[in-house]
N, C-alpha and C. Protein backbone atom coordinates (compact mmCIF):
# COMPACT_ATOMS: atom_id res chain seq x y z
N MET A 1 168.94 64.29 72.11
CA MET A 1 168.01 63.76 73.08
C MET A 1 167.98 62.24 72.93
N GLN A 2 168.00 61.57 74.04
CA GLN A 2 167.98 60.11 74.02
C GLN A 2 166.60 59.59 73.64
N GLU A 3 166.60 58.48 72.95
CA GLU A 3 165.35 57.83 72.61
C GLU A 3 164.75 57.23 73.88
N LYS A 4 163.45 57.37 74.04
CA LYS A 4 162.70 56.84 75.19
C LYS A 4 163.25 57.37 76.52
N LEU A 5 163.61 58.64 76.54
CA LEU A 5 164.11 59.29 77.75
C LEU A 5 163.00 59.35 78.78
N LYS A 6 163.29 58.96 80.00
CA LYS A 6 162.29 58.99 81.08
C LYS A 6 162.73 59.99 82.13
N LEU A 7 161.82 60.85 82.50
CA LEU A 7 162.08 61.84 83.54
C LEU A 7 161.33 61.44 84.79
N SER A 8 161.88 61.79 85.94
CA SER A 8 161.21 61.46 87.18
C SER A 8 161.26 62.65 88.13
N LYS A 9 160.45 62.59 89.15
CA LYS A 9 160.38 63.68 90.13
C LYS A 9 161.72 63.86 90.84
N SER A 10 162.48 62.79 91.00
CA SER A 10 163.77 62.88 91.69
C SER A 10 164.79 63.71 90.91
N GLN A 11 164.55 63.94 89.63
CA GLN A 11 165.46 64.74 88.82
C GLN A 11 165.13 66.23 88.91
N GLY A 12 164.05 66.58 89.56
CA GLY A 12 163.63 67.97 89.67
C GLY A 12 164.41 68.73 90.73
N ALA A 13 164.01 69.96 90.93
CA ALA A 13 164.65 70.82 91.93
C ALA A 13 164.50 70.20 93.31
N SER A 14 165.60 70.19 94.06
CA SER A 14 165.55 69.56 95.37
C SER A 14 165.96 70.50 96.51
N THR A 15 166.75 71.51 96.21
CA THR A 15 167.16 72.44 97.25
C THR A 15 166.23 73.66 97.24
N PRO A 16 166.13 74.37 98.36
CA PRO A 16 165.29 75.57 98.39
C PRO A 16 165.69 76.61 97.34
N ALA A 17 166.99 76.75 97.09
CA ALA A 17 167.45 77.72 96.09
C ALA A 17 166.99 77.31 94.69
N GLU A 18 167.09 76.03 94.36
CA GLU A 18 166.63 75.54 93.05
C GLU A 18 165.12 75.73 92.91
N MET A 19 164.38 75.44 93.97
CA MET A 19 162.93 75.57 93.91
C MET A 19 162.52 77.02 93.71
N LYS A 20 163.20 77.94 94.39
CA LYS A 20 162.88 79.36 94.25
C LYS A 20 163.18 79.83 92.82
N ARG A 21 164.29 79.39 92.27
CA ARG A 21 164.65 79.78 90.90
C ARG A 21 163.64 79.23 89.89
N MET A 22 163.18 78.02 90.09
CA MET A 22 162.28 77.38 89.15
C MET A 22 160.84 77.90 89.25
N GLN A 23 160.49 78.58 90.35
CA GLN A 23 159.15 79.15 90.48
C GLN A 23 158.90 80.24 89.45
N ASN A 24 159.97 80.85 88.95
CA ASN A 24 159.84 81.95 87.99
C ASN A 24 159.83 81.47 86.54
N VAL A 25 159.89 80.16 86.31
CA VAL A 25 159.90 79.62 84.95
C VAL A 25 158.46 79.36 84.50
N PRO A 26 158.00 80.04 83.45
CA PRO A 26 156.65 79.80 82.95
C PRO A 26 156.63 78.53 82.08
N TYR A 27 156.41 77.38 82.72
CA TYR A 27 156.54 76.10 82.03
C TYR A 27 155.62 75.94 80.83
N ALA A 28 154.36 76.29 80.97
CA ALA A 28 153.42 76.11 79.85
C ALA A 28 153.87 76.92 78.64
N SER A 29 154.30 78.13 78.87
CA SER A 29 154.76 78.97 77.77
C SER A 29 156.06 78.44 77.18
N ALA A 30 156.98 78.01 78.03
CA ALA A 30 158.26 77.48 77.55
C ALA A 30 158.07 76.22 76.73
N VAL A 31 157.27 75.29 77.23
CA VAL A 31 157.03 74.03 76.51
C VAL A 31 156.28 74.30 75.22
N GLY A 32 155.30 75.18 75.25
CA GLY A 32 154.57 75.52 74.04
C GLY A 32 155.46 76.13 72.98
N SER A 33 156.37 77.00 73.39
CA SER A 33 157.30 77.61 72.44
C SER A 33 158.22 76.58 71.82
N ILE A 34 158.71 75.67 72.64
CA ILE A 34 159.60 74.62 72.14
C ILE A 34 158.85 73.72 71.16
N MET A 35 157.64 73.34 71.51
CA MET A 35 156.86 72.47 70.63
C MET A 35 156.55 73.17 69.30
N TYR A 36 156.24 74.45 69.34
CA TYR A 36 155.99 75.21 68.10
C TYR A 36 157.25 75.21 67.24
N ASP A 37 158.38 75.54 67.85
CA ASP A 37 159.64 75.58 67.10
C ASP A 37 159.98 74.23 66.49
N VAL A 38 159.80 73.18 67.27
CA VAL A 38 160.13 71.84 66.79
C VAL A 38 159.24 71.46 65.62
N ARG A 39 157.96 71.65 65.76
CA ARG A 39 157.03 71.22 64.71
C ARG A 39 157.15 72.06 63.44
N CYS A 40 157.49 73.34 63.58
CA CYS A 40 157.53 74.21 62.41
C CYS A 40 158.90 74.28 61.74
N THR A 41 159.95 74.03 62.47
CA THR A 41 161.29 74.21 61.90
C THR A 41 162.11 72.94 61.80
N ARG A 42 161.81 71.94 62.61
CA ARG A 42 162.63 70.73 62.63
C ARG A 42 161.75 69.49 62.59
N PRO A 43 161.23 69.13 61.42
CA PRO A 43 160.37 67.95 61.35
C PRO A 43 161.08 66.66 61.76
N ASP A 44 162.40 66.60 61.58
CA ASP A 44 163.13 65.41 62.01
C ASP A 44 163.09 65.26 63.52
N VAL A 45 163.19 66.36 64.24
CA VAL A 45 163.12 66.33 65.70
C VAL A 45 161.68 66.10 66.14
N ALA A 46 160.72 66.67 65.42
CA ALA A 46 159.31 66.48 65.75
C ALA A 46 158.93 65.01 65.67
N PHE A 47 159.50 64.29 64.71
CA PHE A 47 159.23 62.86 64.60
C PHE A 47 159.74 62.13 65.84
N ALA A 48 160.92 62.48 66.32
CA ALA A 48 161.48 61.84 67.52
C ALA A 48 160.69 62.20 68.76
N GLN A 49 160.07 63.38 68.77
CA GLN A 49 159.31 63.84 69.93
C GLN A 49 158.06 63.00 70.13
N ASN A 50 157.45 62.53 69.06
CA ASN A 50 156.21 61.76 69.17
C ASN A 50 156.41 60.40 69.69
């Protein structure tokens, strides 16, 4: 992961097919799982995340 990575709305889903596919992604659960994994198993990555 790049340091100081910036995400923008223009990088998100833009076509109807992409939007439909992304509607089924439980973002809160996915992000929470990733954050748990990072903090509990990879402290080096957790430091970069902050």
